[in-house]
Amino acid sequence: MDRGVAGPRLALLGLGEAGSAIAAGLSPYARVSGYDPAWTDRPVDFTVTDSAEQAVADAEVIMSLTAAADATGALKSALGHTAGGAVYLDLSTGSPHLKRELAAEAAAHGLTFAEGVLMAPVPRLREKTPVLAAGPGAAQAAALLTAAGMDVTPLGTDVGEAAARKLLRSIVVKGLTALLVESLRVADAQGLGRWCHDHLVETLTELDGEMIRRLLDGTALHSVRRAAEMDAAAEMAAAAGEPGAMALATAEILKSVPTRGVPRP
């Protein structure tokens, strides 16, 4: 449904959970169109088109919210169909290398490019989800999207910087999640699931800058002993029928500390 709202003209390629939530959040403040080949017809407060070409035709900012594997195809679907002066903002969770490839493809067709990353879960914050953007079109995209109510921080013109920041965060957040899953599985096998859950909550609640400093400082001093401790944890996991992949990987990182050290900010 097109509500005829005045504001920036925005297009979204990819209307999955994130794309449709952002499009709905923007619709009171911008003229929003979107396309997704897997779209199932349902009532929305923005225009859903029959093709990518229609969605991007007059947009000032085109946001691609696809999986990284579909990012190249999404960009190609827009090439040759965009308005003059439009900026293409790729928001897939891809590598810096992929983002640079997309930027080169866009530049070869005269389309201003920016890459961006979503830095919090979209269903909770919708269009207010913090976005970091980089590339030649980052400042332009940030200005237009901020005017529509989004939270976009331009980092500069170097393509790949936003993606690198997102993936560095992902190493910790997704890695921590995997550690929790592994620990709780082994705990269940020991009959200690509830205790382990509550202890992890207590431990993680204490995390702050001082705690992180102590963890890093302690690792620099005691990496050999801690590596042996993680070898023992991996052995316990194996005895419980679990692969202990995270424990083994942690042990390998700790074993590298005596020669490689611990990075300091």
C-alpha atoms as a PDB file:
ATOM      1  CA  MET A   1       0.000   0.000   0.000  1.00  0.00           C
ATOM      2  CA  ASP A   2       1.334   3.423  -0.934  1.00  0.00           C
ATOM      3  CA  ARG A   3       0.402   6.024   1.681  1.00  0.00           C
ATOM      4  CA  GLY A   4       1.757   8.934  -0.379  1.00  0.00           C
ATOM      5  CA  VAL A   5       3.962  10.155   2.469  1.00  0.00           C
ATOM      6  CA  ALA A   6       6.329  13.013   1.716  1.00  0.00           C
ATOM      7  CA  GLY A   7       9.991  12.335   2.418  1.00  0.00           C
ATOM      8  CA  PRO A   8      13.014  10.606   0.900  1.00  0.00           C
ATOM      9  CA  ARG A   9      12.356   8.017  -1.778  1.00  0.00           C
ATOM     10  CA  LEU A  10      13.707   4.708  -0.506  1.00  0.00           C
ATOM     11  CA  ALA A  11      13.840   1.225  -1.982  1.00  0.00           C
ATOM     12  CA  LEU A  12      14.576  -2.041  -0.212  1.00  0.00           C
ATOM     13  CA  LEU A  13      15.737  -5.189  -1.956  1.00  0.00           C
ATOM     14  CA  GLY A  14      15.027  -8.099   0.363  1.00  0.00           C
ATOM     15  CA  LEU A  15      11.883  -8.118   2.488  1.00  0.00           C
ATOM     16  CA  GLY A  16      12.687 -10.839   4.966  1.00  0.00           C
ATOM     17  CA  GLU A  17      12.474 -10.294   8.708  1.00  0.00           C
ATOM     18  CA  ALA A  18      14.930  -7.368   8.721  1.00  0.00           C
ATOM     19  CA  GLY A  19      13.917  -5.768   5.437  1.00  0.00           C
ATOM     20  CA  SER A  20      10.182  -5.813   6.065  1.00  0.00           C
ATOM     21  CA  ALA A  21      10.614  -4.512   9.634  1.00  0.00           C
ATOM     22  CA  ILE A  22      12.762  -1.592   8.476  1.00  0.00           C
ATOM     23  CA  ALA A  23      10.452  -0.827   5.557  1.00  0.00           C
ATOM     24  CA  ALA A  24       7.427  -0.768   7.869  1.00  0.00           C
ATOM     25  CA  GLY A  25       9.233   1.475  10.345  1.00  0.00           C
ATOM     26  CA  LEU A  26      10.240   3.927   7.625  1.00  0.00           C
ATOM     27  CA  SER A  27       6.891   4.080   5.861  1.00  0.00           C
ATOM     28  CA  PRO A  28       5.408   6.931   7.964  1.00  0.00           C
ATOM     29  CA  TYR A  29       8.421   9.146   7.177  1.00  0.00           C
ATOM     30  CA  ALA A  30       9.482   8.207   3.647  1.00  0.00           C
ATOM     31  CA  ARG A  31       8.160   6.930   0.347  1.00  0.00           C
ATOM     32  CA  VAL A  32       9.134   3.296   0.558  1.00  0.00           C
ATOM     33  CA  SER A  33       9.063   0.615  -2.101  1.00  0.00           C
ATOM     34  CA  GLY A  34      10.435  -2.882  -1.865  1.00  0.00           C
ATOM     35  CA  TYR A  35      10.966  -6.092  -3.763  1.00  0.00           C
ATOM     36  CA  ASP A  36      11.645  -9.667  -2.766  1.00  0.00           C
ATOM     37  CA  PRO A  37      11.299 -12.632  -5.147  1.00  0.00           C
ATOM     38  CA  ALA A  38      10.047 -14.725  -2.226  1.00  0.00           C
ATOM     39  CA  TRP A  39       7.473 -12.176  -1.081  1.00  0.00           C
ATOM     40  CA  THR A  40       4.136 -13.599   0.060  1.00  0.00           C
ATOM     41  CA  ASP A  41       1.283 -11.171  -0.321  1.00  0.00           C
ATOM     42  CA  ARG A  42       0.274  -9.596   2.993  1.00  0.00           C
ATOM     43  CA  PRO A  43      -0.924  -6.125   4.052  1.00  0.00           C
ATOM     44  CA  VAL A  44       1.898  -3.620   4.550  1.00  0.00           C
ATOM     45  CA  ASP A  45       2.240   0.153   4.767  1.00  0.00           C
ATOM     46  CA  PHE A  46       4.683   0.413   1.882  1.00  0.00           C
ATOM     47  CA  THR A  47       4.673  -0.435  -1.816  1.00  0.00           C
ATOM     48  CA  VAL A  48       5.745  -3.927  -2.815  1.00  0.00           C
ATOM     49  CA  THR A  49       6.622  -4.061  -6.505  1.00  0.00           C
ATOM     50  CA  ASP A  50       6.675  -6.926  -8.983  1.00  0.00           C
ATOM     51  CA  SER A  51      10.363  -6.478  -9.828  1.00  0.00           C
ATOM     52  CA  ALA A  52      13.576  -4.983  -8.539  1.00  0.00           C
ATOM     53  CA  GLU A  53      13.604  -2.612 -11.497  1.00  0.00           C
ATOM     54  CA  GLN A  54      10.280  -1.114 -10.421  1.00  0.00           C
ATOM     55  CA  ALA A  55      11.338  -0.812  -6.798  1.00  0.00           C
ATOM     56  CA  VAL A  56      14.542   1.134  -7.489  1.00  0.00           C
ATOM     57  CA  ALA A  57      13.322   3.253 -10.407  1.00  0.00           C
ATOM     58  CA  ASP A  58      13.023   6.605  -8.619  1.00  0.00           C
ATOM     59  CA  ALA A  59      14.692   5.838  -5.267  1.00  0.00           C
ATOM     60  CA  GLU A  60      17.270   8.179  -3.781  1.00  0.00           C
ATOM     61  CA  VAL A  61      18.658   5.401  -1.574  1.00  0.00           C
ATOM     62  CA  ILE A  62      18.479   1.696  -2.415  1.00  0.00           C
ATOM     63  CA  MET A  63      19.076  -0.601   0.549  1.00  0.00           C
ATOM     64  CA  SER A  64      19.918  -4.224  -0.064  1.00  0.00           C
ATOM     65  CA  LEU A  65      19.055  -6.450   2.899  1.00  0.00           C
ATOM     66  CA  THR A  66      19.833  -9.855   1.450  1.00  0.00           C
ATOM     67  CA  ALA A  67      22.051 -12.679   2.594  1.00  0.00           C
ATOM     68  CA  ALA A  68      25.678 -12.228   1.558  1.00  0.00           C
ATOM     69  CA  ALA A  69      25.265 -15.008  -1.024  1.00  0.00           C
ATOM     70  CA  ASP A  70      22.531 -12.950  -2.737  1.00  0.00           C
ATOM     71  CA  ALA A  71      24.221  -9.539  -2.518  1.00  0.00           C
ATOM     72  CA  THR A  72      25.790  -9.641  -5.975  1.00  0.00           C
ATOM     73  CA  GLY A  73      22.534 -10.678  -7.622  1.00  0.00           C
ATOM     74  CA  ALA A  74      20.620  -7.929  -5.829  1.00  0.00           C
ATOM     75  CA  LEU A  75      23.070  -5.290  -7.024  1.00  0.00           C
ATOM     76  CA  LYS A  76      22.937  -6.559 -10.613  1.00  0.00           C
ATOM     77  CA  SER A  77      19.146  -6.426 -10.550  1.00  0.00           C
ATOM     78  CA  ALA A  78      19.334  -2.684  -9.863  1.00  0.00           C
ATOM     79  CA  LEU A  79      22.075  -1.730 -12.336  1.00  0.00           C
ATOM     80  CA  GLY A  80      20.788   0.333 -15.223  1.00  0.00           C
ATOM     81  CA  HIS A  81      17.457   0.995 -13.555  1.00  0.00           C
ATOM     82  CA  THR A  82      18.331   3.565 -10.870  1.00  0.00           C
ATOM     83  CA  ALA A  83      17.634   7.284 -10.823  1.00  0.00           C
ATOM     84  CA  GLY A  84      20.433   9.765 -11.394  1.00  0.00           C
ATOM     85  CA  GLY A  85      22.308  10.530  -8.183  1.00  0.00           C
ATOM     86  CA  ALA A  86      20.988   7.464  -6.341  1.00  0.00           C
ATOM     87  CA  VAL A  87      23.149   5.708  -3.783  1.00  0.00           C
ATOM     88  CA  TYR A  88      23.168   1.936  -3.322  1.00  0.00           C
ATOM     89  CA  LEU A  89      23.654   0.783   0.286  1.00  0.00           C
ATOM     90  CA  ASP A  90      24.496  -2.907   0.676  1.00  0.00           C
ATOM     91  CA  LEU A  91      23.541  -4.107   4.165  1.00  0.00           C
ATOM     92  CA  SER A  92      24.415  -7.777   3.785  1.00  0.00           C
ATOM     93  CA  THR A  93      26.673  -9.376   6.389  1.00  0.00           C
ATOM     94  CA  GLY A  94      29.476 -10.045   3.934  1.00  0.00           C
ATOM     95  CA  SER A  95      33.240  -9.825   4.097  1.00  0.00           C
ATOM     96  CA  PRO A  96      35.198  -6.644   3.348  1.00  0.00           C
ATOM     97  CA  HIS A  97      36.392  -8.386   0.170  1.00  0.00           C
ATOM     98  CA  LEU A  98      32.809  -8.937  -1.005  1.00  0.00           C
ATOM     99  CA  LYS A  99      31.934  -5.319  -0.258  1.00  0.00           C
ATOM    100  CA  ARG A 100      34.866  -4.111  -2.356  1.00  0.00           C
ATOM    101  CA  GLU A 101      33.780  -6.347  -5.223  1.00  0.00           C
ATOM    102  CA  LEU A 102      30.281  -4.870  -5.058  1.00  0.00           C
ATOM    103  CA  ALA A 103      31.688  -1.346  -4.955  1.00  0.00           C
ATOM    104  CA  ALA A 104      33.760  -1.994  -8.083  1.00  0.00           C
ATOM    105  CA  GLU A 105      30.720  -3.404  -9.904  1.00  0.00           C
ATOM    106  CA  ALA A 106      28.592  -0.408  -8.923  1.00  0.00           C
ATOM    107  CA  ALA A 107      31.305   2.078  -9.931  1.00  0.00           C
ATOM    108  CA  ALA A 108      31.696   0.395 -13.318  1.00  0.00           C
ATOM    109  CA  HIS A 109      28.032   1.202 -13.968  1.00  0.00           C
ATOM    110  CA  GLY A 110      28.140   4.747 -12.589  1.00  0.00           C
ATOM    111  CA  LEU A 111      26.214   3.951  -9.397  1.00  0.00           C
ATOM    112  CA  THR A 112      27.338   5.495  -6.108  1.00  0.00           C
ATOM    113  CA  PHE A 113      27.987   2.745  -3.577  1.00  0.00           C
ATOM    114  CA  ALA A 114      28.088   2.414   0.189  1.00  0.00           C
ATOM    115  CA  GLU A 115      28.322  -0.618   2.417  1.00  0.00           C
ATOM    116  CA  GLY A 116      26.634  -0.814   5.755  1.00  0.00           C
ATOM    117  CA  VAL A 117      26.092  -3.159   8.660  1.00  0.00           C
ATOM    118  CA  LEU A 118      23.299  -3.535  11.205  1.00  0.00           C
ATOM    119  CA  MET A 119      24.761  -3.444  14.707  1.00  0.00           C
ATOM    120  CA  ALA A 120      21.798  -4.743  16.742  1.00  0.00           C
ATOM    121  CA  PRO A 121      18.845  -7.115  16.259  1.00  0.00           C
ATOM    122  CA  VAL A 122      16.361  -5.539  13.828  1.00  0.00           C
ATOM    123  CA  PRO A 123      13.040  -6.941  15.150  1.00  0.00           C
ATOM    124  CA  ARG A 124      13.493  -5.013  18.396  1.00  0.00           C
ATOM    125  CA  LEU A 125      14.558  -1.617  17.008  1.00  0.00           C
ATOM    126  CA  ARG A 126      13.288  -1.770  13.396  1.00  0.00           C
ATOM    127  CA  GLU A 127      14.323   1.423  11.547  1.00  0.00           C
ATOM    128  CA  LYS A 128      16.157   2.648  14.677  1.00  0.00           C
ATOM    129  CA  THR A 129      18.646  -0.232  14.470  1.00  0.00           C
ATOM    130  CA  PRO A 130      22.144   1.351  14.499  1.00  0.00           C
ATOM    131  CA  VAL A 131      23.860   1.189  11.112  1.00  0.00           C
ATOM    132  CA  LEU A 132      27.509   1.827  10.322  1.00  0.00           C
ATOM    133  CA  ALA A 133      28.166   2.883   6.721  1.00  0.00           C
ATOM    134  CA  ALA A 134      31.333   3.303   4.669  1.00  0.00           C
ATOM    135  CA  GLY A 135      32.227   4.011   1.081  1.00  0.00           C
ATOM    136  CA  PRO A 136      31.855   6.837  -1.427  1.00  0.00           C
ATOM    137  CA  GLY A 137      28.108   7.126  -0.815  1.00  0.00           C
ATOM    138  CA  ALA A 138      28.121   6.687   2.966  1.00  0.00           C
ATOM    139  CA  ALA A 139      27.629  10.346   3.875  1.00  0.00           C
ATOM    140  CA  GLN A 140      24.890  10.798   1.268  1.00  0.00           C
ATOM    141  CA  ALA A 141      23.045   7.677   2.416  1.00  0.00           C
ATOM    142  CA  ALA A 142      23.399   8.661   6.076  1.00  0.00           C
ATOM    143  CA  ALA A 143      21.960  12.120   5.491  1.00  0.00           C
ATOM    144  CA  LEU A 144      18.902  10.853   3.625  1.00  0.00           C
ATOM    145  CA  LEU A 145      18.219   7.909   5.910  1.00  0.00           C
ATOM    146  CA  THR A 146      18.716   9.916   9.099  1.00  0.00           C
ATOM    147  CA  ALA A 147      16.122  12.360   7.778  1.00  0.00           C
ATOM    148  CA  ALA A 148      13.727   9.402   7.558  1.00  0.00           C
ATOM    149  CA  GLY A 149      14.380   8.377  11.149  1.00  0.00           C
ATOM    150  CA  MET A 150      17.186   5.836  10.832  1.00  0.00           C
ATOM    151  CA  ASP A 151      20.335   5.773  12.972  1.00  0.00           C
ATOM    152  CA  VAL A 152      23.165   5.757  10.421  1.00  0.00           C
ATOM    153  CA  THR A 153      26.763   6.674  11.244  1.00  0.00           C
ATOM    154  CA  PRO A 154      29.076   7.303   8.273  1.00  0.00           C
ATOM    155  CA  LEU A 155      32.630   6.079   8.882  1.00  0.00           C
ATOM    156  CA  GLY A 156      34.342   7.437   5.797  1.00  0.00           C
ATOM    157  CA  THR A 157      34.949   6.466   2.205  1.00  0.00           C
ATOM    158  CA  ASP A 158      36.952   3.245   2.670  1.00  0.00           C
ATOM    159  CA  VAL A 159      34.787   0.344   1.507  1.00  0.00           C
ATOM    160  CA  GLY A 160      35.044  -2.624   3.875  1.00  0.00           C
ATOM    161  CA  GLU A 161      35.516  -0.736   7.126  1.00  0.00           C
ATOM    162  CA  ALA A 162      31.904  -1.196   8.223  1.00  0.00           C
ATOM    163  CA  ALA A 163      31.952  -4.891   7.326  1.00  0.00           C
ATOM    164  CA  ALA A 164      35.173  -5.402   9.275  1.00  0.00           C
ATOM    165  CA  ARG A 165      33.674  -3.830  12.399  1.00  0.00           C
ATOM    166  CA  LYS A 166      30.572  -5.996  12.159  1.00  0.00           C
ATOM    167  CA  LEU A 167      32.533  -9.226  11.721  1.00  0.00           C
ATOM    168  CA  LEU A 168      34.904  -8.392  14.574  1.00  0.00           C
ATOM    169  CA  ARG A 169      31.832  -8.029  16.776  1.00  0.00           C
ATOM    170  CA  SER A 170      30.444 -11.274  15.367  1.00  0.00           C
ATOM    171  CA  ILE A 171      33.559 -13.211  16.364  1.00  0.00           C
ATOM    172  CA  VAL A 172      32.768 -12.319  19.979  1.00  0.00           C
ATOM    173  CA  VAL A 173      28.960 -12.430  19.976  1.00  0.00           C
ATOM    174  CA  LYS A 174      28.522 -15.562  17.856  1.00  0.00           C
ATOM    175  CA  GLY A 175      31.573 -17.166  19.433  1.00  0.00           C
ATOM    176  CA  LEU A 176      30.191 -16.473  22.898  1.00  0.00           C
ATOM    177  CA  THR A 177      26.884 -18.015  21.873  1.00  0.00           C
ATOM    178  CA  ALA A 178      28.669 -21.144  20.661  1.00  0.00           C
ATOM    179  CA  LEU A 179      30.601 -21.310  23.932  1.00  0.00           C
ATOM    180  CA  LEU A 180      27.361 -21.094  25.901  1.00  0.00           C
ATOM    181  CA  VAL A 181      25.766 -23.863  23.842  1.00  0.00           C
ATOM    182  CA  GLU A 182      28.789 -26.152  24.244  1.00  0.00           C
ATOM    183  CA  SER A 183      29.100 -25.489  27.978  1.00  0.00           C
ATOM    184  CA  LEU A 184      25.404 -26.129  28.615  1.00  0.00           C
ATOM    185  CA  ARG A 185      25.393 -29.339  26.587  1.00  0.00           C
ATOM    186  CA  VAL A 186      28.304 -30.739  28.580  1.00  0.00           C
ATOM    187  CA  ALA A 187      26.719 -29.476  31.798  1.00  0.00           C
ATOM    188  CA  ASP A 188      23.485 -31.317  30.988  1.00  0.00           C
ATOM    189  CA  ALA A 189      25.469 -34.525  30.515  1.00  0.00           C
ATOM    190  CA  GLN A 190      26.943 -33.998  34.010  1.00  0.00           C
ATOM    191  CA  GLY A 191      23.573 -33.210  35.577  1.00  0.00           C
ATOM    192  CA  LEU A 192      24.724 -29.632  36.149  1.00  0.00           C
ATOM    193  CA  GLY A 193      22.621 -27.775  33.581  1.00  0.00           C
ATOM    194  CA  ARG A 194      20.763 -25.456  35.980  1.00  0.00           C
ATOM    195  CA  TRP A 195      23.868 -24.643  38.012  1.00  0.00           C
ATOM    196  CA  CYS A 196      25.868 -23.931  34.844  1.00  0.00           C
ATOM    197  CA  HIS A 197      23.165 -21.666  33.417  1.00  0.00           C
ATOM    198  CA  ASP A 198      22.882 -19.608  36.592  1.00  0.00           C
ATOM    199  CA  HIS A 199      26.654 -19.398  37.009  1.00  0.00           C
ATOM    200  CA  LEU A 200      27.089 -18.192  33.415  1.00  0.00           C
ATOM    201  CA  VAL A 201      24.451 -15.496  33.958  1.00  0.00           C
ATOM    202  CA  GLU A 202      26.271 -14.329  37.092  1.00  0.00           C
ATOM    203  CA  THR A 203      29.658 -14.343  35.354  1.00  0.00           C
ATOM    204  CA  LEU A 204      28.525 -12.509  32.230  1.00  0.00           C
ATOM    205  CA  THR A 205      26.592  -9.935  34.236  1.00  0.00           C
ATOM    206  CA  GLU A 206      29.912  -8.881  35.780  1.00  0.00           C
ATOM    207  CA  LEU A 207      31.491  -8.163  32.396  1.00  0.00           C
ATOM    208  CA  ASP A 208      32.705  -4.578  32.069  1.00  0.00           C
ATOM    209  CA  GLY A 209      35.869  -2.826  30.971  1.00  0.00           C
ATOM    210  CA  GLU A 210      37.745  -3.785  34.127  1.00  0.00           C
ATOM    211  CA  MET A 211      36.747  -7.436  33.841  1.00  0.00           C
ATOM    212  CA  ILE A 212      37.858  -7.579  30.208  1.00  0.00           C
ATOM    213  CA  ARG A 213      41.198  -6.000  31.167  1.00  0.00           C
ATOM    214  CA  ARG A 214      41.695  -8.626  33.873  1.00  0.00           C
ATOM    215  CA  LEU A 215      40.850 -11.437  31.459  1.00  0.00           C
ATOM    216  CA  LEU A 216      43.417 -10.221  28.932  1.00  0.00           C
ATOM    217  CA  ASP A 217      46.091  -9.460  31.522  1.00  0.00           C
ATOM    218  CA  GLY A 218      45.580 -12.812  33.193  1.00  0.00           C
ATOM    219  CA  THR A 219      45.829 -14.628  29.866  1.00  0.00           C
ATOM    220  CA  ALA A 220      49.125 -12.920  29.084  1.00  0.00           C
ATOM    221  CA  LEU A 221      50.534 -14.193  32.394  1.00  0.00           C
ATOM    222  CA  HIS A 222      48.913 -17.629  32.642  1.00  0.00           C
ATOM    223  CA  SER A 223      48.254 -18.802  29.075  1.00  0.00           C
ATOM    224  CA  VAL A 224      50.137 -22.112  29.455  1.00  0.00           C
ATOM    225  CA  ARG A 225      48.165 -23.156  32.532  1.00  0.00           C
ATOM    226  CA  ARG A 226      44.891 -21.990  31.002  1.00  0.00           C
ATOM    227  CA  ALA A 227      45.598 -23.917  27.789  1.00  0.00           C
ATOM    228  CA  ALA A 228      46.068 -27.077  29.843  1.00  0.00           C
ATOM    229  CA  GLU A 229      42.810 -26.326  31.652  1.00  0.00           C
ATOM    230  CA  MET A 230      40.993 -26.092  28.305  1.00  0.00           C
ATOM    231  CA  ASP A 231      42.540 -29.369  27.150  1.00  0.00           C
ATOM    232  CA  ALA A 232      40.997 -30.912  30.263  1.00  0.00           C
ATOM    233  CA  ALA A 233      37.653 -29.282  29.436  1.00  0.00           C
ATOM    234  CA  ALA A 234      37.808 -30.713  25.910  1.00  0.00           C
ATOM    235  CA  GLU A 235      38.536 -34.160  27.378  1.00  0.00           C
ATOM    236  CA  MET A 236      35.489 -33.837  29.649  1.00  0.00           C
ATOM    237  CA  ALA A 237      33.345 -32.787  26.678  1.00  0.00           C
ATOM    238  CA  ALA A 238      34.502 -35.821  24.688  1.00  0.00           C
ATOM    239  CA  ALA A 239      33.647 -38.108  27.614  1.00  0.00           C
ATOM    240  CA  ALA A 240      30.141 -36.582  27.590  1.00  0.00           C
ATOM    241  CA  GLY A 241      29.771 -37.363  23.886  1.00  0.00           C
ATOM    242  CA  GLU A 242      30.303 -33.779  22.720  1.00  0.00           C
ATOM    243  CA  PRO A 243      32.992 -32.726  20.218  1.00  0.00           C
ATOM    244  CA  GLY A 244      34.303 -29.923  22.437  1.00  0.00           C
ATOM    245  CA  ALA A 245      35.111 -27.836  19.385  1.00  0.00           C
ATOM    246  CA  MET A 246      35.061 -24.514  21.210  1.00  0.00           C
ATOM    247  CA  ALA A 247      37.188 -25.819  24.087  1.00  0.00           C
ATOM    248  CA  LEU A 248      39.756 -27.220  21.651  1.00  0.00           C
ATOM    249  CA  ALA A 249      39.832 -23.976  19.649  1.00  0.00           C
ATOM    250  CA  THR A 250      40.255 -21.964  22.868  1.00  0.00           C
ATOM    251  CA  ALA A 251      43.176 -24.166  23.878  1.00  0.00           C
ATOM    252  CA  GLU A 252      44.858 -23.547  20.516  1.00  0.00           C
ATOM    253  CA  ILE A 253      44.517 -19.776  20.849  1.00  0.00           C
ATOM    254  CA  LEU A 254      45.921 -19.878  24.377  1.00  0.00           C
ATOM    255  CA  LYS A 255      48.866 -22.014  23.233  1.00  0.00           C
ATOM    256  CA  SER A 256      49.774 -19.262  20.741  1.00  0.00           C
ATOM    257  CA  VAL A 257      49.987 -16.537  23.402  1.00  0.00           C
ATOM    258  CA  PRO A 258      53.572 -17.221  24.568  1.00  0.00           C
ATOM    259  CA  THR A 259      54.875 -16.513  21.053  1.00  0.00           C
ATOM    260  CA  ARG A 260      52.289 -14.063  19.731  1.00  0.00           C
ATOM    261  CA  GLY A 261      51.206 -12.257  22.884  1.00  0.00           C
ATOM    262  CA  VAL A 262      47.896 -10.539  23.642  1.00  0.00           C
ATOM    263  CA  PRO A 263      46.968  -7.464  21.546  1.00  0.00           C
ATOM    264  CA  ARG A 264      46.566  -4.213  23.450  1.00  0.00           C
ATOM    265  CA  PRO A 265      44.246  -1.370  22.361  1.00  0.00           C
END
